[in-house]
N, C-alpha and C. Protein backbone atom coordinates (compact mmCIF):
# COMPACT_ATOMS: atom_id res chain seq x y z
N MET A 1 -12.24 7.68 -11.09
CA MET A 1 -11.97 6.89 -9.78
C MET A 1 -13.29 6.04 -9.71
N ASN A 2 -13.00 4.73 -9.36
CA ASN A 2 -13.72 3.71 -8.73
C ASN A 2 -14.09 4.16 -7.29
N PHE A 3 -15.49 4.57 -7.21
CA PHE A 3 -15.89 4.83 -5.49
C PHE A 3 -15.98 4.05 -4.48
N ARG A 4 -16.10 2.49 -4.93
CA ARG A 4 -15.95 1.52 -4.97
C ARG A 4 -14.72 1.06 -3.61
N PHE A 5 -13.60 2.01 -4.69
CA PHE A 5 -12.58 1.68 -4.52
C PHE A 5 -12.12 2.74 -2.93
N VAL A 6 -12.64 3.62 -3.33
CA VAL A 6 -12.37 4.60 -2.47
C VAL A 6 -12.81 4.53 -1.16
N ALA A 7 -14.42 4.14 -1.19
CA ALA A 7 -14.57 3.82 0.31
C ALA A 7 -14.10 2.62 1.07
N LEU A 8 -13.24 1.53 0.23
CA LEU A 8 -12.37 0.85 1.06
C LEU A 8 -10.96 1.62 1.13
N LEU A 9 -10.52 2.24 0.83
CA LEU A 9 -9.55 3.10 0.97
C LEU A 9 -9.53 4.05 2.47
N ASP A 10 -10.81 4.99 2.70
CA ASP A 10 -11.31 5.25 3.41
C ASP A 10 -11.59 4.76 4.61
N THR A 11 -11.76 3.47 4.76
CA THR A 11 -11.76 2.76 5.65
C THR A 11 -10.22 2.59 6.59
N ILE A 12 -9.34 2.39 5.67
CA ILE A 12 -8.25 2.12 6.20
C ILE A 12 -7.57 3.75 7.12
N THR A 13 -7.87 4.60 5.91
CA THR A 13 -7.28 5.77 6.25
C THR A 13 -8.22 6.41 7.77
N ARG A 14 -8.71 5.71 8.46
CA ARG A 14 -9.52 6.04 9.91
C ARG A 14 -8.41 5.21 11.13
N VAL A 15 -7.59 4.72 10.47
CA VAL A 15 -6.63 3.87 11.29
C VAL A 15 -5.82 5.03 11.95
N ARG A 16 -5.72 5.17 13.65
CA ARG A 16 -4.89 6.42 13.65
C ARG A 16 -3.40 6.46 13.03
N GLY A 17 -2.73 7.44 12.81
CA GLY A 17 -1.59 7.40 12.35
C GLY A 17 -1.60 7.04 10.61
N VAL A 18 -2.40 6.81 9.94
CA VAL A 18 -2.49 6.58 8.67
C VAL A 18 -2.63 8.00 8.14
N HIS A 19 -1.79 8.50 7.18
CA HIS A 19 -1.99 9.33 6.30
C HIS A 19 -2.63 9.24 4.87
N GLY A 20 -2.63 8.15 4.20
CA GLY A 20 -3.30 7.93 3.09
C GLY A 20 -3.36 6.31 2.64
N ALA A 21 -3.76 6.24 1.55
CA ALA A 21 -4.11 4.83 1.25
C ALA A 21 -4.39 4.92 -0.31
N MET A 22 -3.84 3.69 -1.20
CA MET A 22 -3.92 3.92 -2.22
C MET A 22 -4.19 2.90 -3.18
N LEU A 23 -4.20 2.77 -4.33
CA LEU A 23 -4.44 1.39 -5.05
C LEU A 23 -3.68 1.76 -6.44
N VAL A 24 -2.52 1.08 -6.53
CA VAL A 24 -1.49 1.16 -7.34
C VAL A 24 -1.36 0.58 -8.12
N ALA A 25 -0.80 0.60 -9.66
CA ALA A 25 -0.54 -0.56 -10.67
C ALA A 25 0.86 -0.99 -10.42
N ALA A 26 1.05 -1.94 -10.17
CA ALA A 26 2.13 -2.30 -9.85
C ALA A 26 3.01 -2.41 -11.07
N ASP A 27 3.06 -2.78 -12.25
CA ASP A 27 4.22 -2.68 -13.24
C ASP A 27 4.43 -1.03 -13.41
N ASP A 28 3.66 0.12 -13.32
CA ASP A 28 4.38 1.16 -13.52
C ASP A 28 4.50 2.44 -12.53
N GLY A 29 3.35 2.33 -11.32
CA GLY A 29 3.12 2.99 -10.49
C GLY A 29 2.17 4.17 -10.59
N ILE A 30 1.22 3.28 -11.45
CA ILE A 30 0.32 5.00 -11.72
C ILE A 30 -1.04 4.82 -10.53
N VAL A 31 -1.28 5.76 -10.14
CA VAL A 31 -2.31 5.34 -9.02
C VAL A 31 -3.91 5.16 -9.94
N VAL A 32 -4.54 4.39 -9.53
CA VAL A 32 -5.93 4.07 -9.56
C VAL A 32 -6.74 4.36 -8.54
N ALA A 33 -6.66 4.46 -7.72
CA ALA A 33 -7.81 5.01 -6.44
C ALA A 33 -6.85 5.95 -5.20
N GLU A 34 -7.21 6.81 -4.49
CA GLU A 34 -6.16 6.94 -3.70
C GLU A 34 -7.13 7.68 -2.48
N SER A 35 -7.01 8.11 -1.38
CA SER A 35 -7.36 8.57 -0.25
C SER A 35 -6.28 9.13 0.98
N LEU A 36 -6.29 10.28 0.42
CA LEU A 36 -4.39 10.98 1.19
C LEU A 36 -5.05 12.12 1.82
N MET A 37 -4.18 12.34 3.10
CA MET A 37 -4.27 13.55 3.64
C MET A 37 -3.60 14.41 2.81
N GLU A 38 -3.79 15.64 3.64
CA GLU A 38 -3.21 17.03 2.62
C GLU A 38 -1.76 16.70 2.83
N GLY A 39 -0.90 17.04 1.76
CA GLY A 39 0.28 17.25 1.76
C GLY A 39 0.97 15.98 1.40
N VAL A 40 0.22 14.84 1.40
CA VAL A 40 1.03 13.59 0.96
C VAL A 40 1.13 13.71 -0.38
N ARG A 41 2.43 13.19 -1.08
CA ARG A 41 2.91 13.73 -2.62
C ARG A 41 2.15 11.68 -3.24
N GLY A 42 1.36 11.77 -3.42
CA GLY A 42 0.77 10.42 -4.12
C GLY A 42 1.15 9.80 -5.07
N ASN A 43 1.56 10.56 -6.31
CA ASN A 43 2.57 10.00 -7.10
C ASN A 43 3.86 9.51 -6.92
N ALA A 44 4.30 10.39 -5.70
CA ALA A 44 6.03 9.96 -5.62
C ALA A 44 5.82 8.67 -4.67
N VAL A 45 4.98 8.78 -3.68
CA VAL A 45 4.66 7.02 -3.55
C VAL A 45 4.68 6.21 -3.93
N ALA A 46 3.41 6.64 -5.05
CA ALA A 46 3.21 5.42 -5.66
C ALA A 46 4.20 4.95 -6.33
N ALA A 47 5.16 5.61 -7.09
CA ALA A 47 6.33 5.48 -7.87
C ALA A 47 7.24 4.43 -7.14
N LEU A 48 7.56 5.11 -5.66
CA LEU A 48 8.26 3.96 -4.74
C LEU A 48 7.94 3.28 -4.43
N ALA A 49 6.83 2.78 -3.87
CA ALA A 49 5.83 1.55 -3.73
C ALA A 49 5.92 0.36 -4.89
N ALA A 50 5.60 0.80 -6.14
CA ALA A 50 5.70 0.28 -6.92
C ALA A 50 6.97 -0.65 -7.24
N SER A 51 7.94 0.48 -7.31
CA SER A 51 9.47 -0.10 -7.79
C SER A 51 9.85 -0.94 -6.33
N LEU A 52 9.47 -0.51 -5.33
CA LEU A 52 10.05 -1.38 -4.08
C LEU A 52 9.84 -2.55 -4.24
N VAL A 53 8.21 -2.71 -4.59
CA VAL A 53 7.63 -4.07 -4.42
C VAL A 53 7.81 -5.16 -5.98
N LYS A 54 8.39 -4.32 -6.90
CA LYS A 54 8.95 -5.40 -8.15
C LYS A 54 10.06 -5.82 -7.77
N ARG A 55 11.20 -4.81 -7.14
CA ARG A 55 12.54 -5.07 -6.88
C ARG A 55 12.32 -5.87 -5.38
N LEU A 56 11.71 -6.04 -4.74
CA LEU A 56 11.50 -7.18 -3.79
C LEU A 56 11.10 -8.67 -4.29
N HIS A 57 10.29 -8.52 -4.93
CA HIS A 57 9.73 -9.68 -5.72
C HIS A 57 10.22 -10.14 -6.33
N ARG A 58 11.62 -9.63 -7.36
CA ARG A 58 12.32 -10.70 -7.66
C ARG A 58 13.39 -11.05 -7.10
N ALA A 59 14.07 -10.20 -5.97
CA ALA A 59 15.20 -10.44 -5.17
C ALA A 59 14.68 -11.89 -4.17
N ALA A 60 13.66 -11.79 -3.69
CA ALA A 60 12.73 -12.99 -2.91
C ALA A 60 12.56 -14.00 -3.99
N GLU A 61 12.39 -13.73 -4.84
CA GLU A 61 11.74 -15.43 -5.92
C GLU A 61 13.66 -15.68 -6.00
N ALA A 62 14.55 -14.83 -6.51
CA ALA A 62 15.63 -15.46 -6.93
C ALA A 62 16.18 -16.12 -5.53
N SER A 63 15.89 -15.57 -4.27
CA SER A 63 16.30 -16.43 -3.10
C SER A 63 15.91 -17.42 -2.50
N GLY A 64 14.62 -17.91 -3.47
CA GLY A 64 13.64 -19.19 -3.04
C GLY A 64 13.01 -19.02 -1.64
N VAL A 65 12.83 -17.82 -1.51
CA VAL A 65 11.63 -17.63 -0.37
C VAL A 65 10.34 -17.52 -0.72
N GLY A 66 9.97 -17.41 -2.02
CA GLY A 66 9.07 -17.06 -2.53
C GLY A 66 8.55 -15.54 -2.93
N THR A 67 7.08 -15.74 -3.05
CA THR A 67 6.80 -13.85 -3.41
C THR A 67 6.39 -13.18 -1.77
N PRO A 68 6.85 -12.60 -1.96
CA PRO A 68 6.35 -11.16 -0.50
C PRO A 68 4.93 -11.01 -0.89
N TYR A 69 4.19 -11.28 0.64
CA TYR A 69 2.58 -10.74 0.53
C TYR A 69 2.89 -9.21 1.61
N PHE A 70 3.41 -9.26 2.39
CA PHE A 70 3.40 -7.64 3.17
C PHE A 70 4.94 -7.41 2.81
N VAL A 71 4.99 -5.88 2.89
CA VAL A 71 6.03 -4.98 2.79
C VAL A 71 5.83 -3.76 3.70
N HIS A 72 6.52 -4.32 4.98
CA HIS A 72 6.98 -3.04 5.56
C HIS A 72 8.02 -2.35 5.84
N LEU A 73 8.01 -0.89 4.93
CA LEU A 73 9.22 -0.08 4.97
C LEU A 73 9.23 0.76 6.16
N GLN A 74 9.88 1.02 7.22
CA GLN A 74 9.97 1.53 8.46
C GLN A 74 11.45 2.90 7.84
N ALA A 75 10.92 4.26 7.80
CA ALA A 75 11.62 5.41 7.58
C ALA A 75 11.86 6.42 8.78
N GLU A 76 12.54 7.18 8.89
CA GLU A 76 12.59 8.25 9.98
C GLU A 76 11.24 8.73 10.21
N GLU A 77 10.39 9.47 8.93
CA GLU A 77 9.40 9.88 9.49
C GLU A 77 8.16 9.17 8.88
N GLY A 78 8.16 7.97 8.86
CA GLY A 78 6.65 7.28 8.67
C GLY A 78 6.84 5.83 8.01
N VAL A 79 6.04 4.96 7.91
CA VAL A 79 6.16 4.12 7.18
C VAL A 79 5.28 3.97 6.07
N LEU A 80 5.62 2.74 4.81
CA LEU A 80 5.20 2.52 4.09
C LEU A 80 4.75 1.38 3.61
N LEU A 81 3.67 0.57 3.97
CA LEU A 81 2.87 -0.79 4.45
C LEU A 81 2.59 -1.32 2.54
N THR A 82 2.65 -2.43 1.85
CA THR A 82 2.09 -2.74 0.94
C THR A 82 1.45 -4.02 0.80
N VAL A 83 0.40 -4.25 0.24
CA VAL A 83 0.26 -6.02 -0.09
C VAL A 83 -0.21 -6.04 -1.27
N PRO A 84 -0.31 -7.30 -2.55
CA PRO A 84 -0.80 -7.54 -3.39
C PRO A 84 -2.28 -7.40 -3.05
N ALA A 85 -2.99 -6.48 -4.09
CA ALA A 85 -4.62 -6.43 -4.60
C ALA A 85 -5.33 -7.42 -5.25
N GLY A 86 -4.36 -8.59 -6.59
CA GLY A 86 -4.55 -8.81 -7.00
C GLY A 86 -5.23 -7.70 -8.68
N ASP A 87 -5.18 -8.59 -9.65
CA ASP A 87 -5.28 -8.16 -11.27
C ASP A 87 -3.92 -7.40 -11.46
N GLY A 88 -2.71 -7.20 -10.73
CA GLY A 88 -1.72 -6.39 -11.44
C GLY A 88 -1.52 -4.78 -10.24
N LEU A 89 -2.33 -5.12 -8.96
CA LEU A 89 -2.58 -3.69 -8.40
C LEU A 89 -1.67 -4.22 -6.91
N VAL A 90 -1.68 -3.20 -6.24
CA VAL A 90 -0.55 -3.15 -4.92
C VAL A 90 -1.52 -1.99 -4.15
N LEU A 91 -1.89 -2.54 -2.67
CA LEU A 91 -2.50 -1.61 -2.08
C LEU A 91 -1.47 -0.72 -1.04
N VAL A 92 -1.44 0.45 -0.98
CA VAL A 92 -0.02 0.91 -0.30
C VAL A 92 -0.83 1.85 0.93
N VAL A 93 0.05 1.84 1.61
CA VAL A 93 -0.53 2.50 2.99
C VAL A 93 0.80 3.36 3.38
N VAL A 94 0.39 4.67 3.70
CA VAL A 94 1.46 5.62 4.23
C VAL A 94 0.80 6.11 5.49
N GLY A 95 2.10 6.01 6.62
CA GLY A 95 1.29 6.29 7.81
C GLY A 95 2.96 6.81 8.84
N GLU A 96 2.49 7.57 9.84
CA GLU A 96 3.44 8.03 11.01
C GLU A 96 4.52 6.85 11.47
N ALA A 97 5.35 7.49 11.84
CA ALA A 97 6.59 6.05 12.53
C ALA A 97 5.94 5.38 13.25
N ASP A 98 4.60 6.00 14.20
CA ASP A 98 4.19 4.96 15.00
C ASP A 98 3.07 4.60 14.91
N VAL A 99 2.70 4.34 13.47
CA VAL A 99 1.18 4.01 13.37
C VAL A 99 1.42 2.62 13.92
N ASN A 100 0.02 2.10 14.17
CA ASN A 100 -0.06 0.77 14.71
C ASN A 100 -0.32 -0.48 13.39
N VAL A 101 0.91 -0.88 13.22
CA VAL A 101 0.75 -1.77 11.91
C VAL A 101 0.16 -2.89 11.87
N GLY A 102 -0.01 -3.58 12.89
CA GLY A 102 -0.81 -4.80 12.69
C GLY A 102 -2.07 -4.49 12.86
N LEU A 103 -2.97 -3.49 12.97
CA LEU A 103 -4.30 -2.95 12.61
C LEU A 103 -3.86 -1.85 11.44
N ALA A 104 -3.48 -1.64 10.92
CA ALA A 104 -2.95 -1.50 9.82
C ALA A 104 -3.41 -2.10 8.53
N ARG A 105 -2.62 -3.30 8.63
CA ARG A 105 -2.22 -4.69 8.19
C ARG A 105 -3.64 -5.43 7.95
N LEU A 106 -4.46 -5.68 9.37
CA LEU A 106 -5.44 -5.94 9.02
C LEU A 106 -6.65 -5.01 8.48
N GLU A 107 -6.63 -3.99 8.48
CA GLU A 107 -7.23 -3.14 7.36
C GLU A 107 -7.11 -2.90 5.98
N MET A 108 -5.81 -3.38 5.45
CA MET A 108 -5.55 -3.71 4.84
C MET A 108 -6.13 -5.01 3.91
N LEU A 109 -6.05 -5.76 5.07
CA LEU A 109 -6.28 -7.32 4.71
C LEU A 109 -7.84 -7.49 4.00
N ARG A 110 -8.50 -6.87 5.24
CA ARG A 110 -10.21 -6.64 4.89
C ARG A 110 -10.13 -5.94 2.81
N ALA A 111 -9.90 -4.90 3.23
CA ALA A 111 -10.03 -4.03 1.87
C ALA A 111 -9.53 -4.83 0.31
N VAL A 112 -8.59 -5.39 0.45
CA VAL A 112 -8.13 -6.29 -0.17
C VAL A 112 -9.41 -7.58 -0.90
N GLU A 113 -9.83 -8.08 0.29
CA GLU A 113 -10.72 -8.91 -0.14
C GLU A 113 -11.69 -8.19 -0.57
N GLY A 114 -12.44 -6.82 -0.71
CA GLY A 114 -13.21 -6.30 -0.99
C GLY A 114 -13.10 -6.02 -2.29
N ILE A 115 -11.93 -5.80 -2.90
CA ILE A 115 -11.52 -5.45 -4.06
C ILE A 115 -11.45 -6.89 -5.14
N ALA A 116 -11.49 -8.02 -4.88
CA ALA A 116 -11.20 -9.17 -5.82
C ALA A 116 -12.48 -9.53 -5.86
């Protein structure tokens, strides 16, 4: 695991309400690096995020609106946030339902700059 990636992910997990952050291969959902709290099922989240991003990308392209840059999935018990991280990677964040999405997004964008 790349320790530079882990350090960037740790910064995101310091946002109150964030339970974990991962770098995931966009094509197959394989976890490249992770910083997760106990109880977060990383492989399942990674697979869901990769599938969701891939499907949204196809649907958005087909509708003519372009490539999605930030995905925010709000569910009963939490949120799933993603941004593209270059080189076929997706940055994925899992958080509580009331997480400060704006702050989490800001930290995600900073981390992506550090990955590129």
